[in-house]
C-alpha atoms as a PDB file:
ATOM      1  CA  MET A   1      -0.102   0.006   0.107  1.00  0.00           C
ATOM      2  CA  LEU A   2       1.084   3.524  -0.762  1.00  0.00           C
ATOM      3  CA  LYS A   3       2.009   5.526   2.380  1.00  0.00           C
ATOM      4  CA  LYS A   4       3.965   8.938   0.477  1.00  0.00           C
ATOM      5  CA  VAL A   5       2.591  10.679  -2.540  1.00  0.00           C
ATOM      6  CA  GLY A   6       4.183  13.895  -3.793  1.00  0.00           C
ATOM      7  CA  VAL A   7       2.747  16.364  -6.324  1.00  0.00           C
ATOM      8  CA  TYR A   8       4.577  18.719  -8.618  1.00  0.00           C
ATOM      9  CA  ALA A   9       2.722  20.842 -11.227  1.00  0.00           C
ATOM     10  CA  LYS A  10       3.291  23.138 -14.097  1.00  0.00           C
ATOM     11  CA  LYS A  11       4.163  26.602 -12.535  1.00  0.00           C
ATOM     12  CA  ASN A  12       1.585  29.098 -12.185  1.00  0.00           C
ATOM     13  CA  HIS A  13      -1.339  27.122 -13.919  1.00  0.00           C
ATOM     14  CA  PRO A  14      -4.491  28.300 -13.319  1.00  0.00           C
ATOM     15  CA  ASP A  15      -6.154  24.749 -12.618  1.00  0.00           C
ATOM     16  CA  ALA A  16      -3.238  23.197 -10.454  1.00  0.00           C
ATOM     17  CA  GLU A  17      -4.332  24.877  -7.208  1.00  0.00           C
ATOM     18  CA  GLN A  18      -7.741  23.237  -6.967  1.00  0.00           C
ATOM     19  CA  LEU A  19      -6.541  20.193  -8.089  1.00  0.00           C
ATOM     20  CA  ALA A  20      -3.970  19.526  -5.459  1.00  0.00           C
ATOM     21  CA  LEU A  21      -5.954  20.571  -2.799  1.00  0.00           C
ATOM     22  CA  MET A  22      -8.725  17.932  -3.839  1.00  0.00           C
ATOM     23  CA  ILE A  23      -5.924  15.133  -4.223  1.00  0.00           C
ATOM     24  CA  CYS A  24      -4.759  16.119  -0.746  1.00  0.00           C
ATOM     25  CA  GLU A  25      -8.249  15.874   0.450  1.00  0.00           C
ATOM     26  CA  ARG A  26      -8.752  12.403  -0.771  1.00  0.00           C
ATOM     27  CA  LEU A  27      -5.657  11.078  -0.305  1.00  0.00           C
ATOM     28  CA  LYS A  28      -5.832  12.315   3.539  1.00  0.00           C
ATOM     29  CA  LYS A  29      -8.809  10.348   3.939  1.00  0.00           C
ATOM     30  CA  GLU A  30      -7.074   7.414   2.796  1.00  0.00           C
ATOM     31  CA  ASN A  31      -4.152   7.932   5.281  1.00  0.00           C
ATOM     32  CA  ILE A  32      -1.841   8.708   2.793  1.00  0.00           C
ATOM     33  CA  GLU A  33       0.338  11.773   3.200  1.00  0.00           C
ATOM     34  CA  VAL A  34       1.000  14.062   0.529  1.00  0.00           C
ATOM     35  CA  LEU A  35       4.285  16.038  -0.138  1.00  0.00           C
ATOM     36  CA  LEU A  36       3.343  19.101  -2.100  1.00  0.00           C
ATOM     37  CA  GLU A  37       6.375  20.490  -4.511  1.00  0.00           C
ATOM     38  CA  ASP A  38       7.367  23.697  -2.652  1.00  0.00           C
ATOM     39  CA  GLY A  39       6.135  26.086  -5.605  1.00  0.00           C
ATOM     40  CA  LEU A  40       2.969  24.510  -5.748  1.00  0.00           C
ATOM     41  CA  ALA A  41       2.388  24.668  -1.853  1.00  0.00           C
ATOM     42  CA  GLU A  42       3.334  28.354  -1.807  1.00  0.00           C
ATOM     43  CA  GLN A  43       0.644  28.726  -4.735  1.00  0.00           C
ATOM     44  CA  ILE A  44      -2.211  27.000  -2.393  1.00  0.00           C
ATOM     45  CA  GLY A  45      -0.828  28.603   0.720  1.00  0.00           C
ATOM     46  CA  GLN A  46       0.761  25.944   2.419  1.00  0.00           C
ATOM     47  CA  VAL A  47       3.851  26.449   4.328  1.00  0.00           C
ATOM     48  CA  ASN A  48       5.250  22.807   4.464  1.00  0.00           C
ATOM     49  CA  GLY A  49       6.579  22.543   0.655  1.00  0.00           C
ATOM     50  CA  PHE A  50       9.284  20.197  -0.031  1.00  0.00           C
ATOM     51  CA  SER A  51      12.160  20.505  -2.658  1.00  0.00           C
ATOM     52  CA  GLY A  52      11.492  19.116  -6.015  1.00  0.00           C
ATOM     53  CA  GLU A  53      14.772  17.429  -5.736  1.00  0.00           C
ATOM     54  CA  ASP A  54      14.045  15.776  -2.269  1.00  0.00           C
ATOM     55  CA  ILE A  55      10.753  14.628  -2.889  1.00  0.00           C
ATOM     56  CA  PRO A  56      11.464  11.552  -5.087  1.00  0.00           C
ATOM     57  CA  GLY A  57      13.576   9.946  -2.416  1.00  0.00           C
ATOM     58  CA  GLN A  58      10.574  10.118   0.265  1.00  0.00           C
ATOM     59  CA  VAL A  59       7.315   8.864  -1.724  1.00  0.00           C
ATOM     60  CA  ASP A  60       6.040   5.539  -3.370  1.00  0.00           C
ATOM     61  CA  LEU A  61       4.040   7.646  -6.134  1.00  0.00           C
ATOM     62  CA  ILE A  62       4.659  10.780  -7.762  1.00  0.00           C
ATOM     63  CA  ILE A  63       1.322  13.061  -9.517  1.00  0.00           C
ATOM     64  CA  VAL A  64       2.236  15.437 -12.097  1.00  0.00           C
ATOM     65  CA  LEU A  65      -0.351  18.135 -13.090  1.00  0.00           C
ATOM     66  CA  GLY A  66       0.693  19.898 -16.239  1.00  0.00           C
ATOM     67  CA  GLY A  67       2.137  18.451 -19.706  1.00  0.00           C
ATOM     68  CA  ASP A  68       4.252  16.085 -21.171  1.00  0.00           C
ATOM     69  CA  GLY A  69       7.033  18.621 -20.849  1.00  0.00           C
ATOM     70  CA  THR A  70       6.366  19.202 -17.067  1.00  0.00           C
ATOM     71  CA  LEU A  71       6.222  15.179 -16.652  1.00  0.00           C
ATOM     72  CA  ILE A  72       9.483  15.071 -18.583  1.00  0.00           C
ATOM     73  CA  SER A  73      11.503  17.217 -16.328  1.00  0.00           C
ATOM     74  CA  VAL A  74      10.358  15.994 -13.262  1.00  0.00           C
ATOM     75  CA  ALA A  75      11.379  12.266 -14.952  1.00  0.00           C
ATOM     76  CA  ARG A  76      14.975  13.691 -15.330  1.00  0.00           C
ATOM     77  CA  GLN A  77      14.731  14.841 -11.369  1.00  0.00           C
ATOM     78  CA  ILE A  78      13.888  11.171 -10.773  1.00  0.00           C
ATOM     79  CA  GLY A  79      16.956  10.097 -12.403  1.00  0.00           C
ATOM     80  CA  GLU A  80      17.898   6.375 -11.356  1.00  0.00           C
ATOM     81  CA  LEU A  81      15.088   6.218  -8.773  1.00  0.00           C
ATOM     82  CA  THR A  82      11.947   4.003  -9.681  1.00  0.00           C
ATOM     83  CA  VAL A  83       9.282   5.803  -8.264  1.00  0.00           C
ATOM     84  CA  PRO A  84       6.140   5.739 -10.719  1.00  0.00           C
ATOM     85  CA  ILE A  85       5.022   8.773 -11.806  1.00  0.00           C
ATOM     86  CA  LEU A  86       0.985   9.512 -12.985  1.00  0.00           C
ATOM     87  CA  GLY A  87       0.644  12.231 -15.424  1.00  0.00           C
ATOM     88  CA  VAL A  88      -2.324  14.493 -15.468  1.00  0.00           C
ATOM     89  CA  ASN A  89      -3.223  16.216 -18.623  1.00  0.00           C
ATOM     90  CA  LEU A  90      -3.400  20.707 -18.028  1.00  0.00           C
ATOM     91  CA  GLY A  91      -1.899  20.783 -21.132  1.00  0.00           C
ATOM     92  CA  ARG A  92      -2.912  19.918 -24.670  1.00  0.00           C
ATOM     93  CA  LEU A  93      -1.757  16.906 -26.636  1.00  0.00           C
ATOM     94  CA  GLY A  94      -0.692  15.075 -23.496  1.00  0.00           C
ATOM     95  CA  PHE A  95       1.121  11.111 -24.982  1.00  0.00           C
ATOM     96  CA  LEU A  96       2.569  10.829 -21.283  1.00  0.00           C
ATOM     97  CA  THR A  97      -0.099  12.645 -19.304  1.00  0.00           C
ATOM     98  CA  GLU A  98      -3.018  10.242 -20.274  1.00  0.00           C
ATOM     99  CA  VAL A  99      -5.314  11.429 -17.224  1.00  0.00           C
ATOM    100  CA  THR A 100      -7.839  14.285 -17.878  1.00  0.00           C
ATOM    101  CA  ARG A 101      -8.889  16.303 -15.119  1.00  0.00           C
ATOM    102  CA  ASP A 102     -12.270  14.873 -14.822  1.00  0.00           C
ATOM    103  CA  GLU A 103     -10.532  10.785 -14.776  1.00  0.00           C
ATOM    104  CA  LEU A 104      -8.357  12.166 -11.786  1.00  0.00           C
ATOM    105  CA  PRO A 105     -10.779  11.453  -9.009  1.00  0.00           C
ATOM    106  CA  GLY A 106     -11.324   7.906 -10.153  1.00  0.00           C
ATOM    107  CA  MET A 107      -7.825   7.592 -10.927  1.00  0.00           C
ATOM    108  CA  LEU A 108      -7.107   8.581  -7.068  1.00  0.00           C
ATOM    109  CA  GLU A 109      -9.368   5.853  -5.873  1.00  0.00           C
ATOM    110  CA  LEU A 110      -7.484   3.294  -8.050  1.00  0.00           C
ATOM    111  CA  ILE A 111      -4.501   4.657  -6.615  1.00  0.00           C
ATOM    112  CA  ALA A 112      -5.459   4.233  -3.056  1.00  0.00           C
ATOM    113  CA  ARG A 113      -6.947   0.765  -3.765  1.00  0.00           C
ATOM    114  CA  ASP A 114      -3.127   0.256  -5.061  1.00  0.00           C
ATOM    115  CA  GLU A 115      -5.108  -1.134  -8.342  1.00  0.00           C
ATOM    116  CA  PHE A 116      -3.568   0.693 -11.125  1.00  0.00           C
ATOM    117  CA  GLN A 117      -0.869  -0.460 -13.879  1.00  0.00           C
ATOM    118  CA  ILE A 118       2.594   0.672 -14.595  1.00  0.00           C
ATOM    119  CA  SER A 119       4.265   0.883 -18.053  1.00  0.00           C
ATOM    120  CA  ASP A 120       8.594   0.406 -17.497  1.00  0.00           C
ATOM    121  CA  ARG A 121       9.818   3.197 -20.410  1.00  0.00           C
ATOM    122  CA  MET A 122      13.332   3.373 -21.333  1.00  0.00           C
ATOM    123  CA  MET A 123      15.476   6.201 -21.247  1.00  0.00           C
ATOM    124  CA  LEU A 124      18.881   7.356 -22.945  1.00  0.00           C
ATOM    125  CA  ASP A 125      22.188   8.351 -21.712  1.00  0.00           C
ATOM    126  CA  ALA A 126      23.921  11.221 -23.683  1.00  0.00           C
ATOM    127  CA  ILE A 127      27.454  12.152 -23.595  1.00  0.00           C
ATOM    128  CA  ILE A 128      29.229  15.009 -25.339  1.00  0.00           C
ATOM    129  CA  HIS A 129      32.689  14.289 -25.996  1.00  0.00           C
ATOM    130  CA  ARG A 130      35.548  16.810 -27.277  1.00  0.00           C
ATOM    131  CA  GLY A 131      38.354  15.377 -27.878  1.00  0.00           C
ATOM    132  CA  ASP A 132      39.559  13.364 -25.010  1.00  0.00           C
ATOM    133  CA  GLN A 133      37.234  15.176 -22.727  1.00  0.00           C
ATOM    134  CA  GLU A 134      33.637  14.216 -21.542  1.00  0.00           C
ATOM    135  CA  VAL A 135      31.996  18.078 -21.559  1.00  0.00           C
ATOM    136  CA  GLY A 136      28.425  16.952 -21.009  1.00  0.00           C
ATOM    137  CA  ARG A 137      25.989  14.000 -19.995  1.00  0.00           C
ATOM    138  CA  TYR A 138      22.627  14.026 -19.793  1.00  0.00           C
ATOM    139  CA  THR A 139      19.790  11.345 -19.201  1.00  0.00           C
ATOM    140  CA  VAL A 140      16.502  11.679 -21.501  1.00  0.00           C
ATOM    141  CA  LEU A 141      13.191   9.873 -21.502  1.00  0.00           C
ATOM    142  CA  ASN A 142      12.147  11.107 -25.090  1.00  0.00           C
ATOM    143  CA  ASP A 143      14.978  12.438 -27.435  1.00  0.00           C
ATOM    144  CA  VAL A 144      18.078  13.750 -28.083  1.00  0.00           C
ATOM    145  CA  VAL A 145      18.429  16.011 -31.169  1.00  0.00           C
ATOM    146  CA  ILE A 146      21.543  17.633 -32.868  1.00  0.00           C
ATOM    147  CA  ASN A 147      20.238  20.494 -35.357  1.00  0.00           C
ATOM    148  CA  LYS A 148      21.580  23.859 -36.774  1.00  0.00           C
ATOM    149  CA  GLY A 149      21.099  27.080 -35.720  1.00  0.00           C
ATOM    150  CA  ALA A 150      18.268  29.643 -37.395  1.00  0.00           C
ATOM    151  CA  LEU A 151      20.661  31.038 -40.438  1.00  0.00           C
ATOM    152  CA  ALA A 152      23.427  27.985 -40.484  1.00  0.00           C
ATOM    153  CA  ARG A 153      23.612  26.027 -43.318  1.00  0.00           C
ATOM    154  CA  ILE A 154      22.935  22.177 -43.286  1.00  0.00           C
ATOM    155  CA  ILE A 155      25.696  20.019 -41.495  1.00  0.00           C
ATOM    156  CA  ASP A 156      27.533  16.710 -41.835  1.00  0.00           C
ATOM    157  CA  MET A 157      26.887  14.142 -39.338  1.00  0.00           C
ATOM    158  CA  GLU A 158      29.132  11.010 -39.522  1.00  0.00           C
ATOM    159  CA  THR A 159      27.016   8.542 -37.567  1.00  0.00           C
ATOM    160  CA  CYS A 160      28.121   4.838 -36.314  1.00  0.00           C
ATOM    161  CA  VAL A 161      26.174   2.327 -34.736  1.00  0.00           C
ATOM    162  CA  ASP A 162      27.987   0.077 -32.734  1.00  0.00           C
ATOM    163  CA  GLY A 163      31.218   1.128 -34.195  1.00  0.00           C
ATOM    164  CA  ARG A 164      29.997   0.460 -37.830  1.00  0.00           C
ATOM    165  CA  HIS A 165      29.511   3.517 -39.951  1.00  0.00           C
ATOM    166  CA  LEU A 166      25.541   3.729 -40.962  1.00  0.00           C
ATOM    167  CA  SER A 167      25.811   7.117 -42.680  1.00  0.00           C
ATOM    168  CA  THR A 168      27.073  10.833 -42.904  1.00  0.00           C
ATOM    169  CA  TYR A 169      23.897  12.600 -42.888  1.00  0.00           C
ATOM    170  CA  LYS A 170      23.828  15.802 -44.929  1.00  0.00           C
ATOM    171  CA  ALA A 171      20.680  17.578 -43.047  1.00  0.00           C
ATOM    172  CA  ASP A 172      19.191  20.125 -40.592  1.00  0.00           C
ATOM    173  CA  GLY A 173      19.549  17.734 -37.719  1.00  0.00           C
ATOM    174  CA  LEU A 174      19.332  14.354 -36.544  1.00  0.00           C
ATOM    175  CA  ILE A 175      16.846  12.783 -33.614  1.00  0.00           C
ATOM    176  CA  ILE A 176      17.443  10.104 -31.785  1.00  0.00           C
ATOM    177  CA  SER A 177      14.225   8.926 -30.180  1.00  0.00           C
ATOM    178  CA  THR A 178      13.062   6.353 -27.680  1.00  0.00           C
ATOM    179  CA  PRO A 179      10.055   4.701 -28.103  1.00  0.00           C
ATOM    180  CA  THR A 180       8.261   6.776 -26.004  1.00  0.00           C
ATOM    181  CA  GLY A 181       9.795   9.848 -27.821  1.00  0.00           C
ATOM    182  CA  SER A 182       8.699   8.527 -31.200  1.00  0.00           C
ATOM    183  CA  THR A 183       5.198  10.363 -31.241  1.00  0.00           C
ATOM    184  CA  GLY A 184       7.296  13.593 -30.503  1.00  0.00           C
ATOM    185  CA  TYR A 185       9.683  15.378 -32.840  1.00  0.00           C
ATOM    186  CA  ASN A 186      10.325  12.070 -34.251  1.00  0.00           C
ATOM    187  CA  LEU A 187       7.014  12.123 -35.560  1.00  0.00           C
ATOM    188  CA  ALA A 188       6.719  15.383 -36.899  1.00  0.00           C
ATOM    189  CA  ALA A 189       9.791  14.353 -38.856  1.00  0.00           C
ATOM    190  CA  GLY A 190       8.471  11.508 -40.319  1.00  0.00           C
ATOM    191  CA  GLY A 191       9.639   9.191 -38.337  1.00  0.00           C
ATOM    192  CA  PRO A 192       7.774   5.849 -37.331  1.00  0.00           C
ATOM    193  CA  ILE A 193       5.776   5.375 -33.892  1.00  0.00           C
ATOM    194  CA  ILE A 194       7.308   2.483 -31.799  1.00  0.00           C
ATOM    195  CA  TYR A 195       4.998   0.746 -29.542  1.00  0.00           C
ATOM    196  CA  PRO A 196       6.560   1.513 -25.769  1.00  0.00           C
ATOM    197  CA  GLU A 197       7.821  -1.965 -24.992  1.00  0.00           C
ATOM    198  CA  ILE A 198       9.588  -2.335 -27.668  1.00  0.00           C
ATOM    199  CA  ASN A 199      13.316  -2.690 -27.342  1.00  0.00           C
ATOM    200  CA  SER A 200      14.268  -0.017 -29.984  1.00  0.00           C
ATOM    201  CA  LEU A 201      15.822   3.352 -30.576  1.00  0.00           C
ATOM    202  CA  VAL A 202      14.727   5.348 -33.884  1.00  0.00           C
ATOM    203  CA  ILE A 203      17.290   7.648 -35.569  1.00  0.00           C
ATOM    204  CA  SER A 204      15.189  10.101 -37.751  1.00  0.00           C
ATOM    205  CA  PRO A 205      17.554  12.869 -39.901  1.00  0.00           C
ATOM    206  CA  ILE A 206      15.355  16.385 -40.175  1.00  0.00           C
ATOM    207  CA  CYS A 207      15.231  17.621 -43.666  1.00  0.00           C
ATOM    208  CA  PRO A 208      17.982  15.343 -45.051  1.00  0.00           C
ATOM    209  CA  HIS A 209      19.789  17.038 -48.527  1.00  0.00           C
ATOM    210  CA  MET A 210      19.153  13.330 -50.220  1.00  0.00           C
ATOM    211  CA  LEU A 211      15.608  11.975 -50.097  1.00  0.00           C
ATOM    212  CA  THR A 212      16.967   8.363 -49.743  1.00  0.00           C
ATOM    213  CA  ASN A 213      18.062   8.985 -46.184  1.00  0.00           C
ATOM    214  CA  ARG A 214      15.163   7.915 -44.226  1.00  0.00           C
ATOM    215  CA  PRO A 215      14.394   7.038 -40.409  1.00  0.00           C
ATOM    216  CA  ILE A 216      16.051   3.940 -39.521  1.00  0.00           C
ATOM    217  CA  VAL A 217      15.075   1.533 -36.179  1.00  0.00           C
ATOM    218  CA  VAL A 218      17.869   0.104 -34.274  1.00  0.00           C
ATOM    219  CA  TRP A 219      18.377  -2.240 -31.272  1.00  0.00           C
ATOM    220  CA  SER A 220      17.832  -0.711 -27.862  1.00  0.00           C
ATOM    221  CA  ARG A 221      21.393  -1.560 -26.630  1.00  0.00           C
ATOM    222  CA  SER A 222      23.333  -0.188 -29.581  1.00  0.00           C
ATOM    223  CA  LYS A 223      25.601   2.349 -29.258  1.00  0.00           C
ATOM    224  CA  ILE A 224      25.342   5.449 -31.159  1.00  0.00           C
ATOM    225  CA  GLU A 225      27.794   7.940 -32.138  1.00  0.00           C
ATOM    226  CA  ILE A 226      27.664  10.997 -34.057  1.00  0.00           C
ATOM    227  CA  LYS A 227      30.451  13.301 -35.271  1.00  0.00           C
ATOM    228  CA  VAL A 228      29.305  16.884 -36.449  1.00  0.00           C
ATOM    229  CA  LYS A 229      31.219  18.101 -38.966  1.00  0.00           C
ATOM    230  CA  PHE A 230      30.982  22.464 -39.654  1.00  0.00           C
ATOM    231  CA  GLU A 231      32.875  25.346 -40.246  1.00  0.00           C
ATOM    232  CA  ASP A 232      31.377  28.640 -38.533  1.00  0.00           C
ATOM    233  CA  ASP A 233      27.679  27.722 -38.420  1.00  0.00           C
ATOM    234  CA  VAL A 234      25.999  27.547 -35.004  1.00  0.00           C
ATOM    235  CA  VAL A 235      24.920  23.624 -33.980  1.00  0.00           C
ATOM    236  CA  PHE A 236      22.970  22.714 -31.135  1.00  0.00           C
ATOM    237  CA  PHE A 237      22.779  19.594 -28.812  1.00  0.00           C
ATOM    238  CA  THR A 238      19.464  19.361 -27.223  1.00  0.00           C
ATOM    239  CA  ALA A 239      18.229  16.705 -24.457  1.00  0.00           C
ATOM    240  CA  ASP A 240      14.425  16.266 -24.220  1.00  0.00           C
ATOM    241  CA  GLY A 241      13.510  19.686 -26.106  1.00  0.00           C
ATOM    242  CA  GLN A 242      14.292  21.343 -22.533  1.00  0.00           C
ATOM    243  CA  VAL A 243      18.260  21.464 -21.843  1.00  0.00           C
ATOM    244  CA  GLY A 244      21.494  21.443 -24.219  1.00  0.00           C
ATOM    245  CA  ARG A 245      24.180  23.399 -25.169  1.00  0.00           C
ATOM    246  CA  LYS A 246      26.236  24.571 -28.564  1.00  0.00           C
ATOM    247  CA  LEU A 247      28.684  21.849 -29.945  1.00  0.00           C
ATOM    248  CA  LEU A 248      31.772  22.744 -31.376  1.00  0.00           C
ATOM    249  CA  PRO A 249      32.938  21.174 -34.879  1.00  0.00           C
ATOM    250  CA  GLY A 250      34.436  17.662 -34.151  1.00  0.00           C
ATOM    251  CA  ASP A 251      32.422  17.155 -31.296  1.00  0.00           C
ATOM    252  CA  VAL A 252      31.267  13.586 -30.901  1.00  0.00           C
ATOM    253  CA  VAL A 253      27.673  12.590 -29.233  1.00  0.00           C
ATOM    254  CA  GLU A 254      27.185   9.319 -28.096  1.00  0.00           C
ATOM    255  CA  VAL A 255      23.905   8.013 -27.264  1.00  0.00           C
ATOM    256  CA  ARG A 256      23.119   4.503 -25.418  1.00  0.00           C
ATOM    257  CA  ARG A 257      20.466   3.227 -23.452  1.00  0.00           C
ATOM    258  CA  SER A 258      20.489   4.259 -19.953  1.00  0.00           C
ATOM    259  CA  GLU A 259      20.092   2.027 -16.497  1.00  0.00           C
ATOM    260  CA  ALA A 260      17.782   4.547 -15.483  1.00  0.00           C
ATOM    261  CA  ARG A 261      13.813   4.211 -16.361  1.00  0.00           C
ATOM    262  CA  THR A 262      11.055   5.886 -16.452  1.00  0.00           C
ATOM    263  CA  ARG A 263       7.755   3.866 -14.771  1.00  0.00           C
ATOM    264  CA  LEU A 264       4.529   5.599 -15.925  1.00  0.00           C
ATOM    265  CA  VAL A 265       1.002   4.775 -14.074  1.00  0.00           C
ATOM    266  CA  SER A 266      -1.753   4.110 -16.078  1.00  0.00           C
ATOM    267  CA  SER A 267      -5.563   3.298 -16.043  1.00  0.00           C
ATOM    268  CA  PRO A 268      -6.457  -0.525 -16.323  1.00  0.00           C
ATOM    269  CA  SER A 269      -9.377   0.947 -18.518  1.00  0.00           C
ATOM    270  CA  LYS A 270      -6.987   2.228 -21.159  1.00  0.00           C
ATOM    271  CA  ASP A 271      -4.829   0.995 -23.412  1.00  0.00           C
ATOM    272  CA  TYR A 272      -1.733   2.706 -26.234  1.00  0.00           C
ATOM    273  CA  PHE A 273      -3.686   2.081 -28.873  1.00  0.00           C
ATOM    274  CA  GLU A 274      -6.804   4.099 -27.617  1.00  0.00           C
ATOM    275  CA  ILE A 275      -4.634   6.966 -26.423  1.00  0.00           C
ATOM    276  CA  LEU A 276      -3.126   7.170 -30.174  1.00  0.00           C
ATOM    277  CA  ARG A 277      -6.944   7.110 -31.722  1.00  0.00           C
ATOM    278  CA  THR A 278      -7.952  10.049 -29.215  1.00  0.00           C
ATOM    279  CA  LYS A 279      -4.629  12.048 -29.277  1.00  0.00           C
ATOM    280  CA  LEU A 280      -4.065  11.591 -33.154  1.00  0.00           C
ATOM    281  CA  SER A 281      -7.395  11.666 -33.815  1.00  0.00           C
ATOM    282  CA  TRP A 282      -7.534   8.856 -35.877  1.00  0.00           C
ATOM    283  CA  GLY A 283     -10.524   7.696 -37.752  1.00  0.00           C
ATOM    284  CA  GLU A 284     -12.053  10.893 -37.460  1.00  0.00           C
ATOM    285  CA  ARG A 285     -12.869  12.904 -41.031  1.00  0.00           C
END
């Protein structure tokens, strides 16, 4: 049985206050302690908030009020801790935050009875090498993106998989995506949707110069290395669309499966294909 639940919310979202109060009230009746992230606690007038970095080590489950971006940010804070996350969608599309505001009360009842499902989601480690030095390390849930600046020309990206040359992409950029991230930037770039439990990664070029350069699916245990080649242009590395840095000519970005994983809570009454149909409006005219 759950004893403690942590709650995070998108900063200053108008619906977060009401939902947080409802969560506190309902879970308190079930003798479940609620730890509010300090910004959210301040928003609803409580003085006993907790640092977002400290909550994951103290709770049995985390509820995130916001969109997919908020959930992804929390997933990175959790790191290698395997605390399950329930996402409540206060945003727009919401592939990861699949529970709606109206569905939350019923979901809280399932949580109190320990009758929810958990889906384990793969994460990636991305390491930036500059010569013999490691200059950056990131753990991501959705994707790693290398892309050019607004006024830059196309860039060359020499790409190897497990030490074997795949292609030198001439493109605006390259996306390395997990199955979870396959419905994000990868999908917009023409990549495939990958079922969450399939052990694979997707390499998708962004606006490639050669039309024959298509997205490719590789094994999840593959080590992918991308050496960027450019002169005086601006090239960026981005992790989950939220954090990143500029790259220098000759930098190598290494991407591989992480030992960390994200555990997403879902309702027993929903399945992945229902979510796809709803979010992507499949079957509508």
